[in-house]
């Protein structure tokens, strides 16, 4: 009995010496296991009695038996509370799993049968504890957080990138690098088209309600600026309500919520405020993504009109960059004839005439007094004389002449290109006496073509002579000498 008492006393002294340091070592060792298990940043050491915490970016851990699917469409209040206490649940699960594994390894290693040697028994218990710590996990009931993962890709696609979570492995970074480029390009294209579509719809609405002045850059900038500000305020209110419901204890002021909405709609995303992934569910992805996409389009439209207004104060001395790119390729080679200013003036005049006819028709309750005007209204042609003045002060007839001259040049270029293509085809083996050639042209057609071309050629020679005389006269008036020999 005395020997047994001595062995027990020695064993208790050994436990007293190793107990506290063993527990401290076991818990700190858990940091590395949790980091590998959850792929989270390095966890700090903590003393006994402190409250350890983990971050949950792309996973959700709760009691699946009591709370159900970890990715519900819209969460209940119990699920919201559980998503806010995931760290506590994980550590409880880890502790329970650790105790089960410790008992299992002590039994497998037969540590309790080493009663005769307290040192060997202590080493056996310590090895079992280390093995249990290494194998224990609190993620048995954890699953991928679909809502948070989808929201992460949304911030990548829209270049917001709050920076609160990011991939740390080469595989994850490679995925973001590859898909990030494609998604950003797609997002930019969609935003541009959506912005232009919104602008066209709203401008058409203003024309229909007889407010064409609202399509001007200044009024459009003010209108879209007010709409953008109201939408940012709506996003700020929605975000603040979300924080109050999903993240208890997270304090944000109204100014903070407005700041968050503003930097997000500008795709800046500084990261000082963001929507925490722990409380993010599938329904939140659709609601916030819709709000932010609409905000991107509104702000983009507003900034577009700001730029347009600024450019009105900087008149271009030559053709604009848009016109230059429209008529040339990247090397500066002409690919198409640019639209003339006369054509633009003609379009503006036609829009004004259409507005006047529509207003006149509505004022007369659909009764048109003049048969001439009735025919014009029915055909859609503008009602004006040849001396009607265009908005730029020139007669409308002058602009129409410019349009016809431009069209004539295009037709001549088309005729030249067609003749060149026809000559190439004939040179490759085609014969004028083939059935196709005979069936295409009749003698009368060729005679008519010859007469038309001869008439146009005479008219062109007449214009050339008049132009040469005008150049010679202008050179004489300017220099006091006759420089007709320099006329090209």
Protein backbone atom coordinates (compact mmCIF):
# COMPACT_ATOMS: atom_id res chain seq x y z
CA UNK A 1 0.00 0.00 0.00
CA UNK A 2 2.85 2.35 0.83
CA UNK A 3 4.55 1.67 -2.53
CA UNK A 4 1.31 2.32 -4.41
CA UNK A 5 0.83 5.57 -2.54
CA UNK A 6 4.37 6.69 -3.43
CA UNK A 7 3.81 5.92 -7.12
CA UNK A 8 0.53 7.89 -7.12
CA UNK A 9 2.17 10.83 -5.36
CA UNK A 10 5.01 10.88 -7.88
CA UNK A 11 2.54 10.74 -10.73
CA UNK A 12 0.52 13.65 -9.35
CA UNK A 13 3.64 15.79 -8.95
CA UNK A 14 4.57 15.09 -12.56
CA UNK A 15 1.08 16.09 -13.73
CA UNK A 16 1.28 19.27 -11.72
CA UNK A 17 4.53 20.26 -13.42
CA UNK A 18 3.53 19.33 -16.94
CA UNK A 19 -0.18 20.10 -16.89
CA UNK A 20 -0.23 23.85 -17.45
CA UNK A 21 2.61 23.92 -19.96
CA UNK A 22 1.10 20.94 -21.80
CA UNK A 23 -2.29 22.59 -22.23
CA UNK A 24 -0.61 25.86 -23.26
CA UNK A 25 1.49 24.07 -25.86
CA UNK A 26 -1.44 22.06 -27.19
CA UNK A 27 -3.63 25.08 -27.74
CA UNK A 28 -0.92 27.14 -29.43
CA UNK A 29 -0.10 24.18 -31.64
CA UNK A 30 -3.71 24.29 -32.80
CA UNK A 31 -2.99 27.57 -34.56
CA UNK A 32 -1.04 25.87 -37.31
CA UNK A 33 -3.65 23.16 -37.75
CA UNK A 34 -6.47 25.70 -38.00
CA UNK A 35 -4.48 27.76 -40.46
CA UNK A 36 -3.97 24.77 -42.77
CA UNK A 37 -7.53 23.56 -42.31
CA UNK A 38 -9.25 26.89 -43.03
CA UNK A 39 -6.56 28.62 -45.12
CA UNK A 40 -6.68 31.72 -42.92
CA UNK A 41 -3.86 34.14 -42.01
CA UNK A 42 -1.51 33.16 -39.19
CA UNK A 43 -3.33 33.18 -35.87
CA UNK A 44 -1.64 34.97 -32.94
CA UNK A 45 -0.55 33.14 -29.81
CA UNK A 46 -2.95 33.50 -26.91
CA UNK A 47 -2.83 32.82 -23.20
CA UNK A 48 -5.17 30.56 -21.33
CA UNK A 49 -8.44 32.28 -20.59
CA UNK A 50 -8.40 34.49 -23.71
CA UNK A 51 -11.00 34.28 -26.50
CA UNK A 52 -9.49 32.94 -29.75
CA UNK A 53 -11.07 34.07 -33.05
CA UNK A 54 -11.01 32.97 -36.67
CA UNK A 55 -12.00 34.61 -39.93
CA UNK A 56 -14.60 33.05 -42.25
CA UNK A 57 -14.34 34.36 -45.79
CA UNK A 58 -15.44 31.57 -48.11
CA UNK A 59 -16.83 29.04 -45.60
CA UNK A 60 -19.71 28.91 -43.14
CA UNK A 61 -19.68 26.77 -40.00
CA UNK A 62 -22.80 26.09 -37.95
CA UNK A 63 -24.87 23.21 -36.65
CA UNK A 64 -26.32 21.73 -39.82
CA UNK A 65 -28.67 19.49 -37.86
CA UNK A 66 -30.39 22.40 -36.13
CA UNK A 67 -29.98 25.17 -38.73
CA UNK A 68 -30.11 23.22 -42.00
CA UNK A 69 -28.37 24.08 -45.27
CA UNK A 70 -25.46 26.53 -44.76
CA UNK A 71 -26.45 28.33 -48.00
CA UNK A 72 -30.12 29.29 -47.68
CA UNK A 73 -31.63 31.80 -50.09
CA UNK A 74 -32.71 34.11 -47.29
CA UNK A 75 -31.63 33.38 -43.70
CA UNK A 76 -33.76 33.15 -40.59
CA UNK A 77 -32.89 35.02 -37.43
CA UNK A 78 -31.33 31.91 -35.88
CA UNK A 79 -29.16 31.44 -38.94
CA UNK A 80 -28.09 35.09 -38.82
CA UNK A 81 -27.11 34.72 -35.17
CA UNK A 82 -25.19 31.52 -35.94
CA UNK A 83 -23.30 33.16 -38.81
CA UNK A 84 -22.13 35.86 -36.39
CA UNK A 85 -20.92 33.24 -33.84
CA UNK A 86 -19.09 30.89 -36.19
CA UNK A 87 -15.79 31.28 -34.36
CA UNK A 88 -17.30 30.09 -31.06
CA UNK A 89 -19.00 27.16 -32.79
CA UNK A 90 -15.79 26.14 -34.55
CA UNK A 91 -13.75 26.09 -31.32
CA UNK A 92 -16.46 24.11 -29.54
CA UNK A 93 -16.47 21.60 -32.37
CA UNK A 94 -12.69 21.41 -32.28
CA UNK A 95 -12.65 20.82 -28.53
CA UNK A 96 -15.24 18.05 -28.77
CA UNK A 97 -13.39 16.41 -31.63
CA UNK A 98 -10.09 16.75 -29.79
CA UNK A 99 -11.43 14.98 -26.67
CA UNK A 100 -12.84 12.10 -28.70
CA UNK A 101 -9.56 11.65 -30.55
CA UNK A 102 -7.54 11.91 -27.33
CA UNK A 103 -9.54 9.13 -25.70
CA UNK A 104 -9.22 7.07 -28.87
CA UNK A 105 -5.43 7.48 -29.10
CA UNK A 106 -4.90 6.81 -25.37
CA UNK A 107 -6.81 3.58 -25.77
CA UNK A 108 -5.01 2.60 -28.97
CA UNK A 109 -1.57 3.36 -27.51
CA UNK A 110 -2.49 1.56 -24.22
CA UNK A 111 -1.21 4.48 -22.16
CA UNK A 112 -3.26 3.56 -19.07
CA UNK A 113 -1.63 0.14 -18.92
CA UNK A 114 1.77 1.71 -18.21
CA UNK A 115 1.01 2.23 -14.54
CA UNK A 116 4.31 0.80 -13.38
CA UNK A 117 6.34 3.46 -15.16
CA UNK A 118 5.01 6.98 -14.68
CA UNK A 119 7.56 8.54 -17.05
CA UNK A 120 6.66 6.30 -19.97
CA UNK A 121 2.98 6.78 -19.25
CA UNK A 122 3.39 10.59 -19.28
CA UNK A 123 5.25 10.42 -22.58
CA UNK A 124 2.53 8.17 -24.01
CA UNK A 125 -0.18 10.61 -22.89
CA UNK A 126 1.76 13.55 -24.34
CA UNK A 127 2.21 11.78 -27.69
CA UNK A 128 -1.48 10.96 -27.78
CA UNK A 129 -2.32 14.59 -27.03
CA UNK A 130 -0.05 15.84 -29.79
CA UNK A 131 -1.59 13.40 -32.26
CA UNK A 132 -5.11 14.40 -31.20
CA UNK A 133 -4.31 18.10 -31.60
CA UNK A 134 -2.87 17.45 -35.05
CA UNK A 135 -5.88 15.44 -36.22
CA UNK A 136 -8.67 17.37 -34.48
CA UNK A 137 -10.78 19.81 -36.51
CA UNK A 138 -13.75 22.04 -35.99
CA UNK A 139 -14.72 22.07 -39.64
CA UNK A 140 -16.68 18.85 -39.86
CA UNK A 141 -19.89 20.86 -40.33
CA UNK A 142 -18.35 23.66 -42.42
CA UNK A 143 -19.27 24.20 -46.08
CA UNK A 144 -18.48 26.68 -48.83
CA UNK A 145 -20.24 30.03 -48.39
CA UNK A 146 -21.71 30.41 -51.88
CA UNK A 147 -22.93 33.96 -51.29
CA UNK A 148 -19.58 35.24 -50.01
CA UNK A 149 -17.67 33.48 -52.80
CA UNK A 150 -19.97 34.95 -55.47
CA UNK A 151 -19.63 38.41 -53.92
CA UNK A 152 -15.84 38.11 -54.01
CA UNK A 153 -15.97 37.47 -57.76
CA UNK A 154 -18.35 40.38 -58.20
CA UNK A 155 -15.84 42.74 -56.55
CA UNK A 156 -13.11 41.35 -58.79
CA UNK A 157 -15.21 41.68 -61.95
CA UNK A 158 -16.17 45.29 -61.19
CA UNK A 159 -12.61 46.25 -60.10
CA UNK A 160 -13.92 47.32 -56.67
CA UNK A 161 -11.65 44.95 -54.73
CA UNK A 162 -12.11 45.96 -51.08
CA UNK A 163 -9.09 43.89 -50.08
CA UNK A 164 -10.74 42.27 -47.05
CA UNK A 165 -10.18 38.81 -48.54
CA UNK A 166 -7.84 37.53 -51.21
CA UNK A 167 -6.46 34.20 -52.43
CA UNK A 168 -3.16 33.11 -50.91
CA UNK A 169 -2.35 30.02 -52.99
CA UNK A 170 -0.85 29.94 -56.47
CA UNK A 171 -3.92 28.13 -57.79
CA UNK A 172 -6.28 30.78 -56.44
CA UNK A 173 -4.18 33.65 -57.71
CA UNK A 174 -3.89 32.04 -61.13
CA UNK A 175 -7.66 31.68 -61.26
CA UNK A 176 -8.20 35.33 -60.38
CA UNK A 177 -5.54 36.38 -62.90
CA UNK A 178 -7.13 34.46 -65.77
CA UNK A 179 -10.82 34.94 -65.13
CA UNK A 180 -10.27 38.44 -63.78
CA UNK A 181 -9.19 39.76 -67.16
CA UNK A 182 -12.15 38.26 -68.97
CA UNK A 183 -14.68 39.41 -66.38
CA UNK A 184 -13.30 42.96 -66.27
CA UNK A 185 -13.47 43.28 -70.06
CA UNK A 186 -17.03 41.94 -70.08
CA UNK A 187 -18.03 44.31 -67.28
CA UNK A 188 -16.59 47.33 -69.09
CA UNK A 189 -18.39 46.48 -72.32
CA UNK A 190 -21.71 45.91 -70.56
CA UNK A 191 -21.39 49.18 -68.65
CA UNK A 192 -20.70 51.19 -71.81
CA UNK A 193 -23.64 49.69 -73.71
CA UNK A 194 -25.98 50.03 -70.73
CA UNK A 195 -25.01 53.67 -70.25
CA UNK A 196 -25.60 54.54 -73.93
CA UNK A 197 -28.91 52.67 -73.89
CA UNK A 198 -30.10 54.52 -70.80
CA UNK A 199 -29.11 57.83 -72.36
CA UNK A 200 -30.98 57.09 -75.61
CA UNK A 201 -34.14 56.02 -73.76
CA UNK A 202 -34.21 59.06 -71.48
CA UNK A 203 -33.42 61.50 -74.30
CA UNK A 204 -36.21 60.01 -76.39
CA UNK A 205 -38.58 60.41 -73.44
CA UNK A 206 -37.66 64.08 -73.07
CA UNK A 207 -38.30 64.66 -76.77
CA UNK A 208 -41.68 62.99 -76.54
CA UNK A 209 -42.78 65.23 -73.65
CA UNK A 210 -41.51 68.32 -75.52
CA UNK A 211 -38.45 68.94 -73.34
CA UNK A 212 -35.61 68.77 -75.91
CA UNK A 213 -33.56 71.16 -73.79
CA UNK A 214 -33.04 68.33 -71.28
CA UNK A 215 -30.90 66.52 -73.86
CA UNK A 216 -28.29 69.27 -73.79
CA UNK A 217 -25.06 68.52 -71.87
CA UNK A 218 -25.64 70.98 -68.99
CA UNK A 219 -29.19 69.90 -68.20
CA UNK A 220 -28.36 66.25 -68.77
CA UNK A 221 -25.42 66.51 -66.37
CA UNK A 222 -27.62 68.04 -63.67
CA UNK A 223 -30.36 65.45 -64.21
CA UNK A 224 -28.08 62.41 -64.11
CA UNK A 225 -26.10 63.89 -61.23
CA UNK A 226 -29.26 64.15 -59.11
CA UNK A 227 -30.31 60.62 -60.03
CA UNK A 228 -26.83 59.29 -59.17
CA UNK A 229 -26.80 61.08 -55.80
CA UNK A 230 -30.24 59.70 -54.87
CA UNK A 231 -29.17 56.20 -55.85
CA UNK A 232 -25.98 56.45 -53.76
CA UNK A 233 -28.14 57.51 -50.81
CA UNK A 234 -30.34 54.46 -51.37
CA UNK A 235 -27.30 52.16 -51.41
CA UNK A 236 -26.00 53.77 -48.22
CA UNK A 237 -29.31 53.20 -46.42
CA UNK A 238 -29.50 49.59 -47.60
CA UNK A 239 -25.92 48.87 -46.49
CA UNK A 240 -26.51 50.37 -43.06
CA UNK A 241 -29.64 48.28 -42.58
CA UNK A 242 -27.72 45.19 -43.65
CA UNK A 243 -24.94 45.83 -41.15
CA UNK A 244 -27.44 46.35 -38.33
CA UNK A 245 -29.16 43.04 -39.14
CA UNK A 246 -26.29 40.76 -40.14
CA UNK A 247 -23.30 42.04 -38.15
CA UNK A 248 -24.43 42.84 -34.56
CA UNK A 249 -22.15 45.24 -32.78
CA UNK A 250 -20.68 46.68 -36.00
CA UNK A 251 -21.14 50.40 -35.59
CA UNK A 252 -21.30 52.66 -38.65
CA UNK A 253 -22.55 56.21 -38.93
CA UNK A 254 -24.61 57.68 -41.73
CA UNK A 255 -21.49 59.37 -43.03
CA UNK A 256 -19.66 56.05 -43.07
CA UNK A 257 -22.45 54.39 -45.03
CA UNK A 258 -22.52 57.24 -47.58
CA UNK A 259 -18.75 57.00 -47.91
CA UNK A 260 -18.99 53.26 -48.48
CA UNK A 261 -21.66 53.71 -51.17
CA UNK A 262 -19.69 56.47 -52.87
CA UNK A 263 -16.34 54.68 -53.09
CA UNK A 264 -18.09 51.51 -54.26
CA UNK A 265 -20.04 53.14 -57.11
CA UNK A 266 -16.78 54.74 -58.23
CA UNK A 267 -15.20 51.22 -58.15
CA UNK A 268 -12.50 52.53 -55.80
CA UNK A 269 -13.15 50.17 -52.87
CA UNK A 270 -10.63 51.44 -50.31
CA UNK A 271 -11.48 48.63 -47.91
CA UNK A 272 -12.13 50.72 -44.80
CA UNK A 273 -15.79 49.67 -45.02
CA UNK A 274 -17.10 46.55 -46.73
CA UNK A 275 -19.83 43.92 -46.50
CA UNK A 276 -18.53 41.19 -44.22
CA UNK A 277 -18.61 37.74 -45.87
CA UNK A 278 -19.69 36.03 -42.61
CA UNK A 279 -23.18 37.51 -42.92
CA UNK A 280 -23.48 37.24 -46.69
CA UNK A 281 -26.13 34.96 -48.18
CA UNK A 282 -27.30 34.15 -51.71
CA UNK A 283 -30.12 36.72 -51.73
CA UNK A 284 -27.66 39.43 -50.73
CA UNK A 285 -25.60 38.78 -53.86
CA UNK A 286 -28.54 39.52 -56.16
CA UNK A 287 -29.78 42.55 -54.22
CA UNK A 288 -26.45 44.33 -53.74
CA UNK A 289 -25.14 43.35 -57.17
CA UNK A 290 -28.24 44.88 -58.79
CA UNK A 291 -27.90 48.06 -56.75
CA UNK A 292 -24.23 48.50 -57.51
CA UNK A 293 -24.57 47.70 -61.22
CA UNK A 294 -27.30 50.32 -61.55
CA UNK A 295 -25.07 52.74 -59.64
CA UNK A 296 -22.15 52.06 -61.98
CA UNK A 297 -24.32 52.83 -65.02
CA UNK A 298 -25.77 56.01 -63.51
CA UNK A 299 -22.40 57.38 -62.41
CA UNK A 300 -20.87 56.46 -65.78
CA UNK A 301 -23.65 58.32 -67.60
CA UNK A 302 -23.23 61.35 -65.34
CA UNK A 303 -19.47 61.48 -65.86
CA UNK A 304 -20.00 61.13 -69.61
CA UNK A 305 -22.15 64.26 -69.70
CA UNK A 306 -19.62 66.07 -67.49
CA UNK A 307 -16.95 65.34 -70.08
CA UNK A 308 -19.27 66.39 -72.90
CA UNK A 309 -20.02 69.67 -71.14
CA UNK A 310 -16.32 70.38 -70.60
CA UNK A 311 -15.59 69.73 -74.28
CA UNK A 312 -18.15 72.36 -75.30
CA UNK A 313 -15.85 74.99 -73.74
CA UNK A 314 -12.89 73.68 -75.72
CA UNK A 315 -13.90 73.94 -79.39
CA UNK A 316 -11.94 71.72 -81.75
CA UNK A 317 -9.92 73.57 -84.41
CA UNK A 318 -10.07 70.54 -86.67
CA UNK A 319 -11.94 67.27 -86.76
CA UNK A 320 -12.50 65.55 -83.44
CA UNK A 321 -10.72 62.39 -82.35
CA UNK A 322 -13.98 60.49 -82.75
CA UNK A 323 -14.32 61.60 -86.37
CA UNK A 324 -10.67 60.80 -87.08
CA UNK A 325 -10.96 57.28 -85.68
CA UNK A 326 -14.21 56.76 -87.57
CA UNK A 327 -12.59 57.38 -90.93
CA UNK A 328 -9.08 55.95 -90.42
CA UNK A 329 -7.44 52.80 -89.13
CA UNK A 330 -4.69 52.60 -86.49
CA UNK A 331 -2.03 53.57 -89.05
CA UNK A 332 -3.93 56.66 -90.16
CA UNK A 333 -5.04 55.21 -93.48
CA UNK A 334 -8.44 56.42 -94.67
CA UNK A 335 -11.00 53.65 -94.57
CA UNK A 336 -14.18 55.63 -95.15
CA UNK A 337 -15.28 59.17 -95.89
CA UNK A 338 -16.09 60.98 -92.66
CA UNK A 339 -19.48 62.48 -92.09
CA UNK A 340 -19.58 66.13 -93.08
CA UNK A 341 -20.73 68.95 -90.82
CA UNK A 342 -23.48 69.70 -93.32
CA UNK A 343 -24.93 66.26 -92.74
CA UNK A 344 -24.95 66.86 -89.00
CA UNK A 345 -26.68 70.20 -89.46
CA UNK A 346 -29.20 68.53 -91.75
CA UNK A 347 -29.98 65.95 -89.07
CA UNK A 348 -30.47 68.65 -86.43
CA UNK A 349 -32.73 70.61 -88.74
CA UNK A 350 -34.80 67.53 -89.56
CA UNK A 351 -35.26 66.80 -85.86
CA UNK A 352 -36.46 70.35 -85.25
CA UNK A 353 -38.80 70.19 -88.22
CA UNK A 354 -40.22 66.89 -87.01
CA UNK A 355 -40.83 68.35 -83.56
CA UNK A 356 -42.58 71.38 -85.08
CA UNK A 357 -44.76 69.22 -87.33
CA UNK A 358 -45.68 66.95 -84.44
CA UNK A 359 -46.58 69.91 -82.25
CA UNK A 360 -48.56 71.56 -85.06
CA UNK A 361 -50.43 68.36 -85.76
CA UNK A 362 -51.32 67.93 -82.08
CA UNK A 363 -52.42 71.58 -81.76
CA UNK A 364 -54.74 71.19 -84.74
CA UNK A 365 -56.20 67.98 -83.21
CA UNK A 366 -55.16 65.98 -86.21
CA UNK A 367 -56.79 68.33 -88.77
CA UNK A 368 -54.42 69.58 -91.43
CA UNK A 369 -55.65 72.69 -93.23
CA UNK A 370 -53.31 72.74 -96.22
CA UNK A 371 -53.30 69.82 -98.66
CA UNK A 372 -49.65 70.53 -99.35
CA UNK A 373 -48.75 70.33 -95.69
CA UNK A 374 -50.91 67.22 -95.35
CA UNK A 375 -48.94 65.51 -98.10
CA UNK A 376 -45.68 66.58 -96.52
CA UNK A 377 -46.73 65.34 -93.11
CA UNK A 378 -47.87 62.03 -94.53
CA UNK A 379 -44.63 61.51 -96.42
CA UNK A 380 -42.43 62.54 -93.48
CA UNK A 381 -40.62 65.23 -95.53
CA UNK A 382 -39.73 68.55 -93.87
CA UNK A 383 -41.86 71.58 -94.74
CA UNK A 384 -39.52 74.46 -95.69
CA UNK A 385 -38.34 76.53 -98.63
CA UNK A 386 -34.91 76.55 -100.24
CA UNK A 387 -34.02 79.73 -98.31
CA UNK A 388 -34.87 78.32 -94.87
CA UNK A 389 -31.96 79.12 -92.56
CA UNK A 390 -30.17 76.31 -90.77
CA UNK A 391 -29.08 76.61 -87.11
CA UNK A 392 -25.55 77.62 -88.19
CA UNK A 393 -26.85 80.60 -90.21
CA UNK A 394 -26.41 79.09 -93.67
CA UNK A 395 -29.35 78.41 -95.99
CA UNK A 396 -30.62 74.88 -95.76
CA UNK A 397 -30.34 74.53 -99.54
CA UNK A 398 -26.55 75.03 -99.28
CA UNK A 399 -26.27 72.19 -96.84
CA UNK A 400 -28.38 69.98 -99.05
CA UNK A 401 -26.08 70.76 -101.99
CA UNK A 402 -23.09 69.72 -99.85
CA UNK A 403 -24.81 66.44 -99.07
CA UNK A 404 -25.52 65.73 -102.71
CA UNK A 405 -21.92 66.55 -103.69
CA UNK A 406 -20.66 64.19 -101.02
CA UNK A 407 -23.02 61.47 -102.22
CA UNK A 408 -21.83 62.03 -105.80
CA UNK A 409 -18.22 61.56 -104.73
CA UNK A 410 -19.09 58.33 -102.99
CA UNK A 411 -20.87 57.05 -106.09
CA UNK A 412 -17.88 57.89 -108.26
CA UNK A 413 -15.61 55.99 -105.86
CA UNK A 414 -18.02 53.07 -105.96
CA UNK A 415 -18.07 53.14 -109.77
CA UNK A 416 -14.28 53.23 -109.88
CA UNK A 417 -13.94 50.32 -107.48
CA UNK A 418 -16.53 48.31 -109.40
CA UNK A 419 -14.76 48.87 -112.71
CA UNK A 420 -11.42 47.85 -111.21
CA UNK A 421 -12.93 44.67 -109.77
CA UNK A 422 -14.55 43.92 -113.13
CA UNK A 423 -11.22 44.36 -114.96
CA UNK A 424 -9.52 41.98 -112.51
CA UNK A 425 -12.19 39.34 -113.09
CA UNK A 426 -11.83 39.67 -116.85
CA UNK A 427 -8.06 39.41 -116.61
CA UNK A 428 -8.44 36.10 -114.71
CA UNK A 429 -10.09 34.41 -117.69
CA UNK A 430 -13.49 36.00 -118.10
CA UNK A 431 -14.60 36.70 -121.67
CA UNK A 432 -16.94 39.51 -122.76
CA UNK A 433 -18.64 37.21 -125.25
CA UNK A 434 -19.75 34.71 -122.58
CA UNK A 435 -23.45 34.06 -122.01
CA UNK A 436 -23.33 35.89 -118.68
CA UNK A 437 -21.85 38.98 -120.28
CA UNK A 438 -24.40 38.98 -123.07
CA UNK A 439 -27.30 38.34 -120.71
CA UNK A 440 -26.29 41.14 -118.37
CA UNK A 441 -25.93 44.04 -120.77
CA UNK A 442 -28.12 45.05 -123.69
CA UNK A 443 -27.06 47.49 -126.36
CA UNK A 444 -29.64 50.03 -125.20
CA UNK A 445 -28.29 49.81 -121.65
CA UNK A 446 -24.77 50.53 -122.80
CA UNK A 447 -25.94 53.47 -124.90
CA UNK A 448 -27.78 54.93 -121.91
CA UNK A 449 -24.74 54.43 -119.68
CA UNK A 450 -22.54 56.16 -122.22
CA UNK A 451 -24.91 59.13 -122.45
CA UNK A 452 -25.14 59.52 -118.67
CA UNK A 453 -21.39 59.34 -118.20
CA UNK A 454 -20.85 61.82 -121.02
CA UNK A 455 -23.29 64.26 -119.41
CA UNK A 456 -21.57 63.92 -116.03
CA UNK A 457 -18.18 64.31 -117.66
CA UNK A 458 -19.25 67.58 -119.32
CA UNK A 459 -20.62 68.85 -115.99
CA UNK A 460 -17.39 67.91 -114.22
CA UNK A 461 -15.30 69.72 -116.84
CA UNK A 462 -17.47 72.80 -116.47
CA UNK A 463 -17.01 72.78 -112.69
CA UNK A 464 -13.27 72.31 -113.13
CA UNK A 465 -13.00 75.30 -115.45
CA UNK A 466 -14.98 77.48 -113.04
CA UNK A 467 -12.80 76.33 -110.15
CA UNK A 468 -9.59 77.08 -112.06
CA UNK A 469 -10.85 80.56 -112.97
CA UNK A 470 -11.78 81.15 -109.33
CA UNK A 471 -8.32 80.04 -108.15
CA UNK A 472 -6.60 82.23 -110.71
CA UNK A 473 -8.69 85.22 -109.73
CA UNK A 474 -8.08 84.62 -106.06
CA UNK A 475 -4.35 84.31 -106.61
CA UNK A 476 -4.28 87.57 -108.58
CA UNK A 477 -6.29 89.43 -105.93
CA UNK A 478 -4.11 88.18 -103.09
CA UNK A 479 -0.64 88.56 -104.61
CA UNK A 480 -1.17 91.17 -107.31
CA UNK A 481 0.33 88.78 -109.89
CA UNK A 482 -1.00 86.13 -112.14
CA UNK A 483 -0.06 82.70 -110.77
CA UNK A 484 -2.21 80.70 -113.15
CA UNK A 485 0.78 78.59 -114.03
CA UNK A 486 0.76 77.24 -110.46
CA UNK A 487 -2.79 75.97 -110.66
CA UNK A 488 -2.83 72.17 -110.31
